[in-house]
Amino acid sequence: MSKSALLSSVVVALSAVFICATPAFASSATLDKIKSTGAVTMGVRESSIPMSYTTGDSRFDGYHVEVCRMILNDIKAKLGMSTLRINYQPVTSQNRVPLVQNGTVDIECGTTTNNASRAKDVSFANTLYVEEVRIAVKANSGITSISQLAGKKVATTTGTTSVQLLRKHEKANGVNFDEVYGKDHADSFLLLESGRADAFVMDGSILAGNIANSKNPKDYKIVGEVLSTEPIAIMVRKDDPEFLADVNAAIAKIVASGKMTGLWSKWFLAPIPPKNIIVGLELSPATKNAWANPNNKPAEDYQQKK
C-alpha cells in the first residue's frame, strides 16, 4: 500500500472513530418551538380545584399549574430566554390527550391519571400527586358505602374512568346503578347538587374542591371505600424525550429545594382564590413517597400493590 493510500485509510478510520465517539444530541421540537416563538402553551382545567382551575377572567391557577410554571421558568433559563409567554389552553377529559398529541398543547397541567393506555399516546412526567378516587354524596342521603348505590344515579365526568373503577370494585358486585354524565367536573357536581344524581364519583381532590366551593359545604360529604389509588402527572408529547427529560430535571430541582410541602399547604390547606375556600386535604403518605422516590409508574403498578 502506498503512503498516500495508507494516509487516506488512517484518516477514514479516525473519522469513523470520531463520529462514533461524538455524543448524539437529540433535537426537541417542543424546545425549538418555545425558543423560536417565545411562548409555550399550557393545558389547564377549568374546574379541577385545587389542582388546575380558572380564577376568572381567563386566569388559571392551582397546585399543578404553579408546579408547571416553575418547570417552565427552569426551561426558560436553560434556553437563555429573558421572557417566556405562557398561553393557557383549557382542556377537557375528552380532548386533553389529543391536544397534546397534535401539538396544540405543549405541557398539560391538569388532573390526568398516568395509565398504560394513555402512555401509548403521550408521555408522563414524574408523579407529584397520588390521588384516591372516592364518592361524594349529600350529607343527609344516608349513603355511606358502595352497596347503597343500588338503584341510584351516579354522576361522573365524560372522558374519565371513575365509573369503570366503581363497577370493578369487589364491593360493587350485584350493585346496579344508572350513570349520568357531566361535561366537566363542575357540571358533574351540579348534577349532585341539583338532585339529578345521588352520588358523584371522582378524584378525592376534585370532590373536596367542589364541595369547598359550593354554597353550603356542610351539605356534602365524601364517603365509602377508596375505589382506586392513581398517580396524577403532567403530560407532554410522546415523541420528545429531551423535553420530558428537562421537565423531570426541573421537577427534581423543585423537590430538592424542599418547596413541595409549602406548595401543598398553599393549595390544599390554606384559603385559595378566588373565594378563599379551604380544600382541607392532608398530605398523604403515597404522595410524600412519590416526591421522595421520583418515578412515572402508571396506575396499574399502584393497583398491583393492593
C-alpha atoms as a PDB file:
ATOM      1  CA  MET A   1       0.000   0.000   0.000  1.00  0.00           C
ATOM      2  CA  SER A   2       1.342   3.450  -0.912  1.00  0.00           C
ATOM      3  CA  LYS A   3       1.948   6.140   1.696  1.00  0.00           C
ATOM      4  CA  SER A   4      -0.916   8.237   0.292  1.00  0.00           C
ATOM      5  CA  ALA A   5      -3.305   5.276   0.372  1.00  0.00           C
ATOM      6  CA  LEU A   6      -2.198   4.438   3.910  1.00  0.00           C
ATOM      7  CA  LEU A   7      -2.742   8.041   4.995  1.00  0.00           C
ATOM      8  CA  SER A   8      -6.210   8.062   3.464  1.00  0.00           C
ATOM      9  CA  SER A   9      -7.111   4.851   5.301  1.00  0.00           C
ATOM     10  CA  VAL A  10      -5.941   6.315   8.602  1.00  0.00           C
ATOM     11  CA  VAL A  11      -7.970   9.493   8.055  1.00  0.00           C
ATOM     12  CA  VAL A  12     -11.111   7.473   7.255  1.00  0.00           C
ATOM     13  CA  ALA A  13     -10.598   5.244  10.316  1.00  0.00           C
ATOM     14  CA  LEU A  14     -10.028   8.207  12.622  1.00  0.00           C
ATOM     15  CA  SER A  15     -13.075   9.960  11.210  1.00  0.00           C
ATOM     16  CA  ALA A  16     -15.195   6.902  11.928  1.00  0.00           C
ATOM     17  CA  VAL A  17     -13.892   6.748  15.497  1.00  0.00           C
ATOM     18  CA  PHE A  18     -14.599  10.460  15.969  1.00  0.00           C
ATOM     19  CA  ILE A  19     -18.138  10.134  14.664  1.00  0.00           C
ATOM     20  CA  CYS A  20     -18.880   7.176  16.932  1.00  0.00           C
ATOM     21  CA  ALA A  21     -17.356   8.889  19.953  1.00  0.00           C
ATOM     22  CA  THR A  22     -19.219  12.145  19.432  1.00  0.00           C
ATOM     23  CA  PRO A  23     -22.416  12.185  21.528  1.00  0.00           C
ATOM     24  CA  ALA A  24     -25.650  12.416  19.576  1.00  0.00           C
ATOM     25  CA  PHE A  25     -27.668  15.392  20.769  1.00  0.00           C
ATOM     26  CA  ALA A  26     -31.369  14.787  20.327  1.00  0.00           C
ATOM     27  CA  SER A  27     -33.382  17.660  18.965  1.00  0.00           C
ATOM     28  CA  SER A  28     -36.568  18.703  20.704  1.00  0.00           C
ATOM     29  CA  ALA A  29     -39.469  20.006  18.636  1.00  0.00           C
ATOM     30  CA  THR A  30     -41.040  21.461  21.774  1.00  0.00           C
ATOM     31  CA  LEU A  31     -37.906  23.276  22.936  1.00  0.00           C
ATOM     32  CA  ASP A  32     -37.270  24.549  19.394  1.00  0.00           C
ATOM     33  CA  LYS A  33     -40.845  25.845  19.241  1.00  0.00           C
ATOM     34  CA  ILE A  34     -40.551  27.559  22.635  1.00  0.00           C
ATOM     35  CA  LYS A  35     -37.233  29.150  21.668  1.00  0.00           C
ATOM     36  CA  SER A  36     -38.392  30.389  18.272  1.00  0.00           C
ATOM     37  CA  THR A  37     -41.812  31.710  19.335  1.00  0.00           C
ATOM     38  CA  GLY A  38     -41.003  32.905  22.839  1.00  0.00           C
ATOM     39  CA  ALA A  39     -44.178  31.178  24.007  1.00  0.00           C
ATOM     40  CA  VAL A  40     -45.474  27.889  25.383  1.00  0.00           C
ATOM     41  CA  THR A  41     -48.996  26.507  25.597  1.00  0.00           C
ATOM     42  CA  MET A  42     -50.060  25.013  28.925  1.00  0.00           C
ATOM     43  CA  GLY A  43     -53.122  22.768  29.054  1.00  0.00           C
ATOM     44  CA  VAL A  44     -55.275  23.595  32.089  1.00  0.00           C
ATOM     45  CA  ARG A  45     -58.611  22.562  33.535  1.00  0.00           C
ATOM     46  CA  GLU A  46     -61.464  24.925  34.360  1.00  0.00           C
ATOM     47  CA  SER A  47     -62.909  23.241  37.451  1.00  0.00           C
ATOM     48  CA  SER A  48     -60.343  20.817  38.920  1.00  0.00           C
ATOM     49  CA  ILE A  49     -59.986  22.701  42.198  1.00  0.00           C
ATOM     50  CA  PRO A  50     -57.330  22.913  43.678  1.00  0.00           C
ATOM     51  CA  MET A  51     -55.146  21.160  41.071  1.00  0.00           C
ATOM     52  CA  SER A  52     -55.936  23.235  37.975  1.00  0.00           C
ATOM     53  CA  TYR A  53     -58.827  25.676  37.613  1.00  0.00           C
ATOM     54  CA  THR A  54     -59.921  29.106  36.480  1.00  0.00           C
ATOM     55  CA  THR A  55     -59.961  32.012  38.909  1.00  0.00           C
ATOM     56  CA  GLY A  56     -61.923  34.158  36.441  1.00  0.00           C
ATOM     57  CA  ASP A  57     -61.144  36.496  33.557  1.00  0.00           C
ATOM     58  CA  SER A  58     -59.234  33.759  31.681  1.00  0.00           C
ATOM     59  CA  ARG A  59     -56.778  33.349  34.565  1.00  0.00           C
ATOM     60  CA  PHE A  60     -55.758  29.905  35.789  1.00  0.00           C
ATOM     61  CA  ASP A  61     -54.077  28.641  38.917  1.00  0.00           C
ATOM     62  CA  GLY A  62     -53.717  25.630  41.173  1.00  0.00           C
ATOM     63  CA  TYR A  63     -51.198  23.159  42.535  1.00  0.00           C
ATOM     64  CA  HIS A  64     -50.293  21.590  39.187  1.00  0.00           C
ATOM     65  CA  VAL A  65     -50.450  24.927  37.364  1.00  0.00           C
ATOM     66  CA  GLU A  66     -47.968  26.501  39.769  1.00  0.00           C
ATOM     67  CA  VAL A  67     -45.655  23.485  39.518  1.00  0.00           C
ATOM     68  CA  CYS A  68     -45.771  23.782  35.716  1.00  0.00           C
ATOM     69  CA  ARG A  69     -44.971  27.491  35.860  1.00  0.00           C
ATOM     70  CA  MET A  70     -41.907  26.647  37.962  1.00  0.00           C
ATOM     71  CA  ILE A  71     -40.906  23.974  35.446  1.00  0.00           C
ATOM     72  CA  LEU A  72     -41.263  26.401  32.547  1.00  0.00           C
ATOM     73  CA  ASN A  73     -39.252  29.029  34.391  1.00  0.00           C
ATOM     74  CA  ASP A  74     -36.432  26.494  34.684  1.00  0.00           C
ATOM     75  CA  ILE A  75     -36.682  25.660  30.972  1.00  0.00           C
ATOM     76  CA  LYS A  76     -36.692  29.367  30.110  1.00  0.00           C
ATOM     77  CA  ALA A  77     -33.383  29.745  31.967  1.00  0.00           C
ATOM     78  CA  LYS A  78     -31.917  26.684  30.215  1.00  0.00           C
ATOM     79  CA  LEU A  79     -32.782  28.166  26.825  1.00  0.00           C
ATOM     80  CA  GLY A  80     -31.258  31.508  27.788  1.00  0.00           C
ATOM     81  CA  MET A  81     -34.534  33.365  27.330  1.00  0.00           C
ATOM     82  CA  SER A  82     -35.269  36.597  29.210  1.00  0.00           C
ATOM     83  CA  THR A  83     -39.040  36.178  28.905  1.00  0.00           C
ATOM     84  CA  LEU A  84     -41.445  33.349  28.135  1.00  0.00           C
ATOM     85  CA  ARG A  85     -45.119  33.916  27.403  1.00  0.00           C
ATOM     86  CA  ILE A  86     -47.461  31.215  28.744  1.00  0.00           C
ATOM     87  CA  ASN A  87     -50.647  30.691  26.757  1.00  0.00           C
ATOM     88  CA  TYR A  88     -53.304  28.861  28.778  1.00  0.00           C
ATOM     89  CA  GLN A  89     -55.418  26.377  26.830  1.00  0.00           C
ATOM     90  CA  PRO A  90     -58.459  24.938  28.665  1.00  0.00           C
ATOM     91  CA  VAL A  91     -58.783  21.198  28.079  1.00  0.00           C
ATOM     92  CA  THR A  92     -61.403  18.610  28.986  1.00  0.00           C
ATOM     93  CA  SER A  93     -61.261  14.973  29.989  1.00  0.00           C
ATOM     94  CA  GLN A  94     -62.161  14.090  26.398  1.00  0.00           C
ATOM     95  CA  ASN A  95     -59.738  16.256  24.409  1.00  0.00           C
ATOM     96  CA  ARG A  96     -56.656  16.571  26.668  1.00  0.00           C
ATOM     97  CA  VAL A  97     -54.719  13.640  25.175  1.00  0.00           C
ATOM     98  CA  PRO A  98     -55.458  14.528  21.505  1.00  0.00           C
ATOM     99  CA  LEU A  99     -54.456  18.169  22.089  1.00  0.00           C
ATOM    100  CA  VAL A 100     -51.093  17.058  23.473  1.00  0.00           C
ATOM    101  CA  GLN A 101     -50.660  14.579  20.627  1.00  0.00           C
ATOM    102  CA  ASN A 102     -51.323  17.105  17.850  1.00  0.00           C
ATOM    103  CA  GLY A 103     -49.098  19.789  19.340  1.00  0.00           C
ATOM    104  CA  THR A 104     -51.807  22.254  20.348  1.00  0.00           C
ATOM    105  CA  VAL A 105     -50.737  21.825  23.987  1.00  0.00           C
ATOM    106  CA  ASP A 106     -47.037  21.645  24.903  1.00  0.00           C
ATOM    107  CA  ILE A 107     -47.447  20.690  28.560  1.00  0.00           C
ATOM    108  CA  GLU A 108     -50.701  19.540  30.176  1.00  0.00           C
ATOM    109  CA  CYS A 109     -51.069  20.508  33.814  1.00  0.00           C
ATOM    110  CA  GLY A 110     -54.449  19.242  34.936  1.00  0.00           C
ATOM    111  CA  THR A 111     -55.587  16.098  36.751  1.00  0.00           C
ATOM    112  CA  THR A 112     -54.699  13.327  34.335  1.00  0.00           C
ATOM    113  CA  THR A 113     -54.119   9.795  35.582  1.00  0.00           C
ATOM    114  CA  ASN A 114     -50.960   8.186  34.248  1.00  0.00           C
ATOM    115  CA  ASN A 115     -52.097   4.796  32.984  1.00  0.00           C
ATOM    116  CA  ALA A 116     -50.792   2.274  30.473  1.00  0.00           C
ATOM    117  CA  SER A 117     -53.443   3.064  27.878  1.00  0.00           C
ATOM    118  CA  ARG A 118     -52.710   6.800  27.775  1.00  0.00           C
ATOM    119  CA  ALA A 119     -48.963   6.178  27.889  1.00  0.00           C
ATOM    120  CA  LYS A 120     -49.256   4.673  24.407  1.00  0.00           C
ATOM    121  CA  ASP A 121     -50.153   8.128  23.081  1.00  0.00           C
ATOM    122  CA  VAL A 122     -48.369  10.594  25.392  1.00  0.00           C
ATOM    123  CA  SER A 123     -45.522  10.708  27.903  1.00  0.00           C
ATOM    124  CA  PHE A 124     -45.943  11.379  31.604  1.00  0.00           C
ATOM    125  CA  ALA A 125     -43.536  13.277  33.825  1.00  0.00           C
ATOM    126  CA  ASN A 126     -42.625  12.014  37.280  1.00  0.00           C
ATOM    127  CA  THR A 127     -45.582  11.900  39.656  1.00  0.00           C
ATOM    128  CA  LEU A 128     -46.096  14.739  42.145  1.00  0.00           C
ATOM    129  CA  TYR A 129     -49.599  13.820  43.311  1.00  0.00           C
ATOM    130  CA  VAL A 130     -51.169  10.465  44.153  1.00  0.00           C
ATOM    131  CA  GLU A 131     -54.951  10.508  44.117  1.00  0.00           C
ATOM    132  CA  GLU A 132     -57.677   8.410  45.732  1.00  0.00           C
ATOM    133  CA  VAL A 133     -60.918   8.003  43.802  1.00  0.00           C
ATOM    134  CA  ARG A 134     -63.900   8.369  46.168  1.00  0.00           C
ATOM    135  CA  ILE A 135     -67.645   9.047  46.255  1.00  0.00           C
ATOM    136  CA  ALA A 136     -69.339  12.343  47.201  1.00  0.00           C
ATOM    137  CA  VAL A 137     -72.958  12.420  48.370  1.00  0.00           C
ATOM    138  CA  LYS A 138     -75.317  14.771  50.144  1.00  0.00           C
ATOM    139  CA  ALA A 139     -74.737  14.609  53.882  1.00  0.00           C
ATOM    140  CA  ASN A 140     -78.361  13.689  54.565  1.00  0.00           C
ATOM    141  CA  SER A 141     -78.520  10.950  51.918  1.00  0.00           C
ATOM    142  CA  GLY A 142     -77.735   8.106  54.275  1.00  0.00           C
ATOM    143  CA  ILE A 143     -75.272   6.703  51.719  1.00  0.00           C
ATOM    144  CA  THR A 144     -72.013   5.559  53.289  1.00  0.00           C
ATOM    145  CA  SER A 145     -70.809   2.739  51.027  1.00  0.00           C
ATOM    146  CA  ILE A 146     -70.858   1.326  47.508  1.00  0.00           C
ATOM    147  CA  SER A 147     -73.527  -1.234  48.388  1.00  0.00           C
ATOM    148  CA  GLN A 148     -76.019   1.572  49.000  1.00  0.00           C
ATOM    149  CA  LEU A 149     -75.745   2.875  45.439  1.00  0.00           C
ATOM    150  CA  ALA A 150     -78.107   0.162  44.138  1.00  0.00           C
ATOM    151  CA  GLY A 151     -80.890   1.802  42.131  1.00  0.00           C
ATOM    152  CA  LYS A 152     -79.249   5.225  42.428  1.00  0.00           C
ATOM    153  CA  LYS A 153     -77.989   7.680  39.823  1.00  0.00           C
ATOM    154  CA  VAL A 154     -74.215   8.096  39.874  1.00  0.00           C
ATOM    155  CA  ALA A 155     -72.592  11.099  38.212  1.00  0.00           C
ATOM    156  CA  THR A 156     -69.161  11.258  36.685  1.00  0.00           C
ATOM    157  CA  THR A 157     -67.399  13.423  34.108  1.00  0.00           C
ATOM    158  CA  THR A 158     -67.376  12.399  30.459  1.00  0.00           C
ATOM    159  CA  GLY A 159     -63.989  11.048  29.407  1.00  0.00           C
ATOM    160  CA  THR A 160     -62.900   9.855  32.871  1.00  0.00           C
ATOM    161  CA  THR A 161     -62.533   6.326  34.208  1.00  0.00           C
ATOM    162  CA  SER A 162     -64.210   6.766  37.587  1.00  0.00           C
ATOM    163  CA  VAL A 163     -67.430   4.823  36.987  1.00  0.00           C
ATOM    164  CA  GLN A 164     -65.480   1.932  35.430  1.00  0.00           C
ATOM    165  CA  LEU A 165     -63.415   1.832  38.619  1.00  0.00           C
ATOM    166  CA  LEU A 166     -66.592   1.799  40.681  1.00  0.00           C
ATOM    167  CA  ARG A 167     -68.038  -1.099  38.692  1.00  0.00           C
ATOM    168  CA  LYS A 168     -64.813  -3.090  39.018  1.00  0.00           C
ATOM    169  CA  HIS A 169     -64.651  -2.728  42.794  1.00  0.00           C
ATOM    170  CA  GLU A 170     -65.214  -6.009  44.633  1.00  0.00           C
ATOM    171  CA  LYS A 171     -67.993  -4.472  46.740  1.00  0.00           C
ATOM    172  CA  ALA A 172     -69.903  -3.385  43.612  1.00  0.00           C
ATOM    173  CA  ASN A 173     -70.844  -6.953  42.714  1.00  0.00           C
ATOM    174  CA  GLY A 174     -74.593  -7.061  42.159  1.00  0.00           C
ATOM    175  CA  VAL A 175     -74.956  -3.301  42.673  1.00  0.00           C
ATOM    176  CA  ASN A 176     -76.850  -1.819  39.737  1.00  0.00           C
ATOM    177  CA  PHE A 177     -76.977   1.949  39.263  1.00  0.00           C
ATOM    178  CA  ASP A 178     -77.569   4.404  36.453  1.00  0.00           C
ATOM    179  CA  GLU A 179     -74.775   6.592  35.118  1.00  0.00           C
ATOM    180  CA  VAL A 180     -75.291  10.281  34.387  1.00  0.00           C
ATOM    181  CA  TYR A 181     -72.578  12.436  32.854  1.00  0.00           C
ATOM    182  CA  GLY A 182     -71.386  15.995  33.300  1.00  0.00           C
ATOM    183  CA  LYS A 183     -69.368  17.716  30.590  1.00  0.00           C
ATOM    184  CA  ASP A 184     -66.814  18.827  33.190  1.00  0.00           C
ATOM    185  CA  HIS A 185     -66.307  18.406  36.943  1.00  0.00           C
ATOM    186  CA  ALA A 186     -68.359  21.480  37.851  1.00  0.00           C
ATOM    187  CA  ASP A 187     -71.244  20.153  35.737  1.00  0.00           C
ATOM    188  CA  SER A 188     -70.976  16.723  37.380  1.00  0.00           C
ATOM    189  CA  PHE A 189     -71.095  18.299  40.838  1.00  0.00           C
ATOM    190  CA  LEU A 190     -74.135  20.323  39.749  1.00  0.00           C
ATOM    191  CA  LEU A 191     -75.888  17.020  38.970  1.00  0.00           C
ATOM    192  CA  LEU A 192     -75.370  16.030  42.608  1.00  0.00           C
ATOM    193  CA  GLU A 193     -76.205  19.488  43.932  1.00  0.00           C
ATOM    194  CA  SER A 194     -79.472  19.690  41.978  1.00  0.00           C
ATOM    195  CA  GLY A 195     -80.621  16.198  42.928  1.00  0.00           C
ATOM    196  CA  ARG A 196     -80.276  14.773  39.419  1.00  0.00           C
ATOM    197  CA  ALA A 197     -77.631  12.416  40.795  1.00  0.00           C
ATOM    198  CA  ASP A 198     -77.363  10.680  44.172  1.00  0.00           C
ATOM    199  CA  ALA A 199     -73.568  10.427  44.112  1.00  0.00           C
ATOM    200  CA  PHE A 200     -70.563  11.849  42.262  1.00  0.00           C
ATOM    201  CA  VAL A 201     -67.588   9.530  41.700  1.00  0.00           C
ATOM    202  CA  MET A 202     -64.265  11.265  41.061  1.00  0.00           C
ATOM    203  CA  ASP A 203     -60.771  12.022  42.355  1.00  0.00           C
ATOM    204  CA  GLY A 204     -60.874  12.934  46.033  1.00  0.00           C
ATOM    205  CA  SER A 205     -59.194  16.312  45.481  1.00  0.00           C
ATOM    206  CA  ILE A 206     -61.775  17.302  42.875  1.00  0.00           C
ATOM    207  CA  LEU A 207     -64.637  16.204  45.127  1.00  0.00           C
ATOM    208  CA  ALA A 208     -63.174  18.122  48.075  1.00  0.00           C
ATOM    209  CA  GLY A 209     -62.544  21.188  45.942  1.00  0.00           C
ATOM    210  CA  ASN A 210     -66.067  21.289  44.534  1.00  0.00           C
ATOM    211  CA  ILE A 211     -67.587  20.727  47.967  1.00  0.00           C
ATOM    212  CA  ALA A 212     -65.497  23.531  49.463  1.00  0.00           C
ATOM    213  CA  ASN A 213     -66.538  25.799  46.575  1.00  0.00           C
ATOM    214  CA  SER A 214     -70.264  25.032  46.932  1.00  0.00           C
ATOM    215  CA  LYS A 215     -72.847  27.313  48.544  1.00  0.00           C
ATOM    216  CA  ASN A 216     -73.140  25.086  51.614  1.00  0.00           C
ATOM    217  CA  PRO A 217     -70.116  22.750  52.000  1.00  0.00           C
ATOM    218  CA  LYS A 218     -71.612  21.115  55.093  1.00  0.00           C
ATOM    219  CA  ASP A 219     -74.388  19.708  52.905  1.00  0.00           C
ATOM    220  CA  TYR A 220     -71.958  17.213  51.327  1.00  0.00           C
ATOM    221  CA  LYS A 221     -69.514  14.550  52.411  1.00  0.00           C
ATOM    222  CA  ILE A 222     -67.032  12.117  50.885  1.00  0.00           C
ATOM    223  CA  VAL A 223     -67.872   8.528  51.787  1.00  0.00           C
ATOM    224  CA  GLY A 224     -67.307   4.895  51.000  1.00  0.00           C
ATOM    225  CA  GLU A 225     -64.388   2.766  50.067  1.00  0.00           C
ATOM    226  CA  VAL A 226     -61.352   4.026  48.145  1.00  0.00           C
ATOM    227  CA  LEU A 227     -62.054   2.897  44.585  1.00  0.00           C
ATOM    228  CA  SER A 228     -58.553   3.360  43.248  1.00  0.00           C
ATOM    229  CA  THR A 229     -55.177   4.886  44.024  1.00  0.00           C
ATOM    230  CA  GLU A 230     -53.823   6.682  40.980  1.00  0.00           C
ATOM    231  CA  PRO A 231     -50.769   8.753  40.039  1.00  0.00           C
ATOM    232  CA  ILE A 232     -51.726  12.143  38.599  1.00  0.00           C
ATOM    233  CA  ALA A 233     -48.990  13.505  36.350  1.00  0.00           C
ATOM    234  CA  ILE A 234     -48.067  16.207  33.857  1.00  0.00           C
ATOM    235  CA  MET A 235     -48.400  15.163  30.193  1.00  0.00           C
ATOM    236  CA  VAL A 236     -46.095  16.010  27.276  1.00  0.00           C
ATOM    237  CA  ARG A 237     -45.783  14.726  23.733  1.00  0.00           C
ATOM    238  CA  LYS A 238     -44.712  11.135  23.196  1.00  0.00           C
ATOM    239  CA  ASP A 239     -42.034  11.847  20.594  1.00  0.00           C
ATOM    240  CA  ASP A 240     -39.988  14.399  22.555  1.00  0.00           C
ATOM    241  CA  PRO A 241     -37.808  12.618  25.148  1.00  0.00           C
ATOM    242  CA  GLU A 242     -35.493  15.619  25.533  1.00  0.00           C
ATOM    243  CA  PHE A 243     -38.343  17.881  26.620  1.00  0.00           C
ATOM    244  CA  LEU A 244     -39.595  15.177  29.020  1.00  0.00           C
ATOM    245  CA  ALA A 245     -36.091  14.914  30.489  1.00  0.00           C
ATOM    246  CA  ASP A 246     -35.988  18.686  31.022  1.00  0.00           C
ATOM    247  CA  VAL A 247     -39.404  18.632  32.711  1.00  0.00           C
ATOM    248  CA  ASN A 248     -38.270  15.841  35.049  1.00  0.00           C
ATOM    249  CA  ALA A 249     -34.998  17.650  35.782  1.00  0.00           C
ATOM    250  CA  ALA A 250     -36.970  20.743  36.765  1.00  0.00           C
ATOM    251  CA  ILE A 251     -39.255  18.636  38.965  1.00  0.00           C
ATOM    252  CA  ALA A 252     -36.198  17.153  40.678  1.00  0.00           C
ATOM    253  CA  LYS A 253     -34.951  20.674  41.456  1.00  0.00           C
ATOM    254  CA  ILE A 254     -38.306  21.670  42.965  1.00  0.00           C
ATOM    255  CA  VAL A 255     -38.360  18.565  45.166  1.00  0.00           C
ATOM    256  CA  ALA A 256     -34.708  19.003  46.207  1.00  0.00           C
ATOM    257  CA  SER A 257     -35.401  22.622  47.160  1.00  0.00           C
ATOM    258  CA  GLY A 258     -37.926  21.472  49.769  1.00  0.00           C
ATOM    259  CA  LYS A 259     -40.697  23.598  48.230  1.00  0.00           C
ATOM    260  CA  MET A 260     -43.224  20.803  47.717  1.00  0.00           C
ATOM    261  CA  THR A 261     -44.541  20.821  51.288  1.00  0.00           C
ATOM    262  CA  GLY A 262     -45.120  24.555  51.056  1.00  0.00           C
ATOM    263  CA  LEU A 263     -46.944  24.165  47.755  1.00  0.00           C
ATOM    264  CA  TRP A 264     -49.169  21.513  49.308  1.00  0.00           C
ATOM    265  CA  SER A 265     -50.016  23.723  52.275  1.00  0.00           C
ATOM    266  CA  LYS A 266     -50.735  26.658  49.959  1.00  0.00           C
ATOM    267  CA  TRP A 267     -53.197  24.821  47.719  1.00  0.00           C
ATOM    268  CA  PHE A 268     -54.744  22.160  49.958  1.00  0.00           C
ATOM    269  CA  LEU A 269     -54.668  23.553  53.498  1.00  0.00           C
ATOM    270  CA  ALA A 270     -54.905  27.345  53.167  1.00  0.00           C
ATOM    271  CA  PRO A 271     -57.506  29.691  51.634  1.00  0.00           C
ATOM    272  CA  ILE A 272     -57.235  29.762  47.840  1.00  0.00           C
ATOM    273  CA  PRO A 273     -58.559  32.214  45.235  1.00  0.00           C
ATOM    274  CA  PRO A 274     -60.968  33.444  44.166  1.00  0.00           C
ATOM    275  CA  LYS A 275     -63.305  32.711  47.096  1.00  0.00           C
ATOM    276  CA  ASN A 276     -60.699  31.937  49.786  1.00  0.00           C
ATOM    277  CA  ILE A 277     -62.059  28.433  50.263  1.00  0.00           C
ATOM    278  CA  ILE A 278     -60.035  25.784  52.097  1.00  0.00           C
ATOM    279  CA  VAL A 279     -60.000  22.337  50.464  1.00  0.00           C
ATOM    280  CA  GLY A 280     -58.663  20.699  53.620  1.00  0.00           C
ATOM    281  CA  LEU A 281     -56.843  17.626  52.249  1.00  0.00           C
ATOM    282  CA  GLU A 282     -53.849  16.495  54.285  1.00  0.00           C
ATOM    283  CA  LEU A 283     -50.678  15.353  52.535  1.00  0.00           C
ATOM    284  CA  SER A 284     -50.888  11.584  52.015  1.00  0.00           C
ATOM    285  CA  PRO A 285     -48.041   9.099  52.587  1.00  0.00           C
ATOM    286  CA  ALA A 286     -48.390   7.969  48.941  1.00  0.00           C
ATOM    287  CA  THR A 287     -47.764  11.498  47.628  1.00  0.00           C
ATOM    288  CA  LYS A 288     -44.836  12.025  50.005  1.00  0.00           C
ATOM    289  CA  ASN A 289     -43.363   8.743  48.773  1.00  0.00           C
ATOM    290  CA  ALA A 290     -43.700   9.886  45.149  1.00  0.00           C
ATOM    291  CA  TRP A 291     -41.704  13.029  45.995  1.00  0.00           C
ATOM    292  CA  ALA A 292     -39.004  11.014  47.765  1.00  0.00           C
ATOM    293  CA  ASN A 293     -38.737   8.366  45.042  1.00  0.00           C
ATOM    294  CA  PRO A 294     -39.092  10.006  41.601  1.00  0.00           C
ATOM    295  CA  ASN A 295     -40.902   7.791  39.109  1.00  0.00           C
ATOM    296  CA  ASN A 296     -43.580   7.811  36.448  1.00  0.00           C
ATOM    297  CA  LYS A 297     -45.117   4.435  37.244  1.00  0.00           C
ATOM    298  CA  PRO A 298     -48.611   4.020  35.762  1.00  0.00           C
ATOM    299  CA  ALA A 299     -51.783   3.417  37.746  1.00  0.00           C
ATOM    300  CA  GLU A 300     -51.580  -0.314  37.028  1.00  0.00           C
ATOM    301  CA  ASP A 301     -48.464  -0.540  39.215  1.00  0.00           C
ATOM    302  CA  TYR A 302     -50.319   1.032  42.133  1.00  0.00           C
ATOM    303  CA  GLN A 303     -53.204  -1.427  41.851  1.00  0.00           C
ATOM    304  CA  GLN A 304     -50.815  -4.399  41.916  1.00  0.00           C
ATOM    305  CA  LYS A 305     -49.610  -3.354  45.362  1.00  0.00           C
ATOM    306  CA  LYS A 306     -53.033  -3.817  46.912  1.00  0.00           C
END
